[in-house]
C-alpha atoms as a PDB file:
ATOM      1  CA  GLN A   1     185.216  83.176 107.466  1.00  0.00           C
ATOM      2  CA  LEU A   2     187.532  86.182 107.152  1.00  0.00           C
ATOM      3  CA  GLN A   3     187.134  89.124 104.794  1.00  0.00           C
ATOM      4  CA  ALA A   4     190.049  91.506 104.299  1.00  0.00           C
ATOM      5  CA  SER A   5     189.537  94.964 102.840  1.00  0.00           C
ATOM      6  CA  GLY A   6     191.081  98.405 102.668  1.00  0.00           C
ATOM      7  CA  GLY A   7     193.901  97.884 100.229  1.00  0.00           C
ATOM      8  CA  GLY A   8     194.701 100.268  97.427  1.00  0.00           C
ATOM      9  CA  LEU A   9     197.298 102.423  95.732  1.00  0.00           C
ATOM     10  CA  VAL A  10     199.159 104.942  97.854  1.00  0.00           C
ATOM     11  CA  GLN A  11     202.276 107.046  97.455  1.00  0.00           C
ATOM     12  CA  ALA A  12     205.366 106.358  99.502  1.00  0.00           C
ATOM     13  CA  GLY A  13     205.014 107.939 102.915  1.00  0.00           C
ATOM     14  CA  GLY A  14     201.258 107.521 102.898  1.00  0.00           C
ATOM     15  CA  SER A  15     198.972 105.458 105.079  1.00  0.00           C
ATOM     16  CA  LEU A  16     196.359 102.760 104.710  1.00  0.00           C
ATOM     17  CA  ARG A  17     194.227 100.877 107.193  1.00  0.00           C
ATOM     18  CA  LEU A  18     193.304  97.312 106.418  1.00  0.00           C
ATOM     19  CA  SER A  19     190.354  95.631 108.052  1.00  0.00           C
ATOM     20  CA  CYS A  20     189.649  91.957 108.581  1.00  0.00           C
ATOM     21  CA  ALA A  21     186.021  91.185 109.322  1.00  0.00           C
ATOM     22  CA  ALA A  22     185.203  87.794 110.779  1.00  0.00           C
ATOM     23  CA  SER A  23     181.960  85.919 110.847  1.00  0.00           C
ATOM     24  CA  GLY A  24     180.957  83.853 113.826  1.00  0.00           C
ATOM     25  CA  ARG A  25     180.616  84.509 117.508  1.00  0.00           C
ATOM     26  CA  THR A  26     184.002  83.188 118.594  1.00  0.00           C
ATOM     27  CA  PHE A  27     186.247  85.805 116.956  1.00  0.00           C
ATOM     28  CA  GLY A  28     187.668  86.812 120.309  1.00  0.00           C
ATOM     29  CA  SER A  29     188.887  83.250 120.896  1.00  0.00           C
ATOM     30  CA  TYR A  30     191.445  83.405 118.101  1.00  0.00           C
ATOM     31  CA  PRO A  31     194.814  85.066 117.893  1.00  0.00           C
ATOM     32  CA  MET A  32     195.007  86.931 114.588  1.00  0.00           C
ATOM     33  CA  GLY A  33     197.857  87.453 112.206  1.00  0.00           C
ATOM     34  CA  TRP A  34     198.633  89.566 109.181  1.00  0.00           C
ATOM     35  CA  PHE A  35     200.829  88.281 106.384  1.00  0.00           C
ATOM     36  CA  ARG A  36     201.860  89.586 102.999  1.00  0.00           C
ATOM     37  CA  GLN A  37     203.044  88.105  99.766  1.00  0.00           C
ATOM     38  CA  ALA A  38     204.847  89.985  97.032  1.00  0.00           C
ATOM     39  CA  PRO A  39     205.096  88.586  93.490  1.00  0.00           C
ATOM     40  CA  GLY A  40     207.628  85.786  93.308  1.00  0.00           C
ATOM     41  CA  LYS A  41     208.144  85.721  97.059  1.00  0.00           C
ATOM     42  CA  GLU A  42     206.954  83.538  99.886  1.00  0.00           C
ATOM     43  CA  ARG A  43     204.220  84.624 102.239  1.00  0.00           C
ATOM     44  CA  GLU A  44     205.781  86.759 104.959  1.00  0.00           C
ATOM     45  CA  PHE A  45     204.734  87.351 108.539  1.00  0.00           C
ATOM     46  CA  VAL A  46     203.856  90.998 109.202  1.00  0.00           C
ATOM     47  CA  GLY A  47     202.435  90.933 112.702  1.00  0.00           C
ATOM     48  CA  ARG A  48     200.037  89.291 115.090  1.00  0.00           C
ATOM     49  CA  ILE A  49     197.757  90.130 117.975  1.00  0.00           C
ATOM     50  CA  SER A  50     196.630  88.086 120.931  1.00  0.00           C
ATOM     51  CA  ARG A  51     193.037  87.177 121.635  1.00  0.00           C
ATOM     52  CA  SER A  52     192.534  90.069 124.021  1.00  0.00           C
ATOM     53  CA  GLY A  53     194.603  92.492 121.991  1.00  0.00           C
ATOM     54  CA  SER A  54     197.058  93.050 124.814  1.00  0.00           C
ATOM     55  CA  ILE A  55     200.018  91.450 123.023  1.00  0.00           C
ATOM     56  CA  THR A  56     201.329  92.306 119.584  1.00  0.00           C
ATOM     57  CA  ASP A  57     204.365  91.191 117.663  1.00  0.00           C
ATOM     58  CA  TYR A  58     205.805  92.582 114.423  1.00  0.00           C
ATOM     59  CA  VAL A  59     208.447  91.758 111.902  1.00  0.00           C
ATOM     60  CA  ASP A  60     211.372  94.166 112.248  1.00  0.00           C
ATOM     61  CA  SER A  61     210.791  95.792 108.868  1.00  0.00           C
ATOM     62  CA  VAL A  62     207.416  97.224 109.950  1.00  0.00           C
ATOM     63  CA  LYS A  63     208.052  98.010 113.608  1.00  0.00           C
ATOM     64  CA  GLY A  64     207.215 101.599 114.406  1.00  0.00           C
ATOM     65  CA  ARG A  65     205.222 101.969 111.179  1.00  0.00           C
ATOM     66  CA  PHE A  66     202.475  99.340 111.397  1.00  0.00           C
ATOM     67  CA  THR A  67     200.015  98.770 114.223  1.00  0.00           C
ATOM     68  CA  ILE A  68     197.655  95.855 114.677  1.00  0.00           C
ATOM     69  CA  SER A  69     194.527  96.194 116.755  1.00  0.00           C
ATOM     70  CA  ARG A  70     191.242  94.407 117.155  1.00  0.00           C
ATOM     71  CA  ASP A  71     187.709  95.107 118.247  1.00  0.00           C
ATOM     72  CA  ASN A  72     186.202  91.842 119.437  1.00  0.00           C
ATOM     73  CA  ALA A  73     182.774  93.413 119.805  1.00  0.00           C
ATOM     74  CA  LYS A  74     182.844  94.173 116.076  1.00  0.00           C
ATOM     75  CA  ASN A  75     184.557  90.915 115.100  1.00  0.00           C
ATOM     76  CA  THR A  76     187.189  92.944 113.285  1.00  0.00           C
ATOM     77  CA  ALA A  77     190.965  93.199 113.282  1.00  0.00           C
ATOM     78  CA  TYR A  78     192.910  96.088 111.815  1.00  0.00           C
ATOM     79  CA  LEU A  79     196.311  96.757 110.338  1.00  0.00           C
ATOM     80  CA  GLN A  80     197.202 100.442 110.380  1.00  0.00           C
ATOM     81  CA  MET A  81     200.086 101.080 108.011  1.00  0.00           C
ATOM     82  CA  ASN A  82     201.932 104.385 108.133  1.00  0.00           C
ATOM     83  CA  SER A  83     205.036 105.669 106.376  1.00  0.00           C
ATOM     84  CA  LEU A  84     204.513 103.151 103.624  1.00  0.00           C
ATOM     85  CA  LYS A  85     207.419 102.204 101.403  1.00  0.00           C
ATOM     86  CA  PRO A  86     207.486 100.688  97.909  1.00  0.00           C
ATOM     87  CA  GLU A  87     208.825  97.483  99.443  1.00  0.00           C
ATOM     88  CA  ASP A  88     205.562  97.142 101.376  1.00  0.00           C
ATOM     89  CA  THR A  89     203.796  96.417  98.091  1.00  0.00           C
ATOM     90  CA  ALA A  90     202.140  93.006  98.353  1.00  0.00           C
ATOM     91  CA  VAL A  91     198.877  91.192  98.783  1.00  0.00           C
ATOM     92  CA  TYR A  92     198.015  91.346 102.464  1.00  0.00           C
ATOM     93  CA  TYR A  93     196.206  88.521 104.196  1.00  0.00           C
ATOM     94  CA  CYS A  94     194.611  88.236 107.594  1.00  0.00           C
ATOM     95  CA  ALA A  95     194.471  84.902 109.333  1.00  0.00           C
ATOM     96  CA  ALA A  96     193.148  83.343 112.504  1.00  0.00           C
ATOM     97  CA  THR A  97     194.598  80.487 114.472  1.00  0.00           C
ATOM     98  CA  GLN A  98     193.625  78.016 117.150  1.00  0.00           C
ATOM     99  CA  ASN A  99     197.288  77.739 118.128  1.00  0.00           C
ATOM    100  CA  LEU A 100     199.079  79.771 120.774  1.00  0.00           C
ATOM    101  CA  SER A 101     202.702  79.324 119.783  1.00  0.00           C
ATOM    102  CA  GLN A 102     204.999  79.777 116.791  1.00  0.00           C
ATOM    103  CA  LEU A 103     202.607  82.334 115.405  1.00  0.00           C
ATOM    104  CA  ARG A 104     205.057  83.860 112.952  1.00  0.00           C
ATOM    105  CA  ASP A 105     204.709  80.664 110.928  1.00  0.00           C
ATOM    106  CA  PRO A 106     201.836  80.852 108.405  1.00  0.00           C
ATOM    107  CA  SER A 107     201.336  77.089 108.635  1.00  0.00           C
ATOM    108  CA  ARG A 108     200.123  77.598 112.192  1.00  0.00           C
ATOM    109  CA  TYR A 109     197.026  79.465 110.986  1.00  0.00           C
ATOM    110  CA  ASN A 110     193.757  77.667 110.357  1.00  0.00           C
ATOM    111  CA  TYR A 111     191.645  80.318 108.644  1.00  0.00           C
ATOM    112  CA  TRP A 112     192.593  82.826 105.967  1.00  0.00           C
ATOM    113  CA  GLY A 113     191.012  85.829 104.343  1.00  0.00           C
ATOM    114  CA  GLN A 114     191.115  86.293 100.588  1.00  0.00           C
ATOM    115  CA  GLY A 115     193.807  88.981 100.546  1.00  0.00           C
ATOM    116  CA  THR A 116     193.789  92.639  99.616  1.00  0.00           C
ATOM    117  CA  GLN A 117     196.304  94.335  97.323  1.00  0.00           C
ATOM    118  CA  VAL A 118     198.482  97.134  98.653  1.00  0.00           C
ATOM    119  CA  THR A 119     200.566  99.026  96.127  1.00  0.00           C
ATOM    120  CA  VAL A 120     202.977 101.741  97.197  1.00  0.00           C
ATOM    121  CA  SER A 121     204.347 103.952  94.467  1.00  0.00           C
ATOM    122  CA  SER A 122     207.677 105.734  94.738  1.00  0.00           C
END
């Protein structure tokens, strides 16, 4: 089970850190991903992190602004979002997968958190 938190309302240029807390003792066995969905749009890949945390991958629109990390001892993954823009406004979801390839595709993820709203005002 995944629980996302940390969303809120922030002005453009501001920062937020989202957390994704996982239950269970095998958190470190799963690659994790972050996705977002704006109203009327499809769910979009934001970034992902490998099981150890040594490999990350981001969509071009957030590179240099967002950072994904994880603390396997705390069963928690993070999405640090800096220099936020109004176009980053969306519901953000964390997800875990048993797969090791094609991890930009949301259909490759087995477990999903409930989502947390991020709103960036201009």
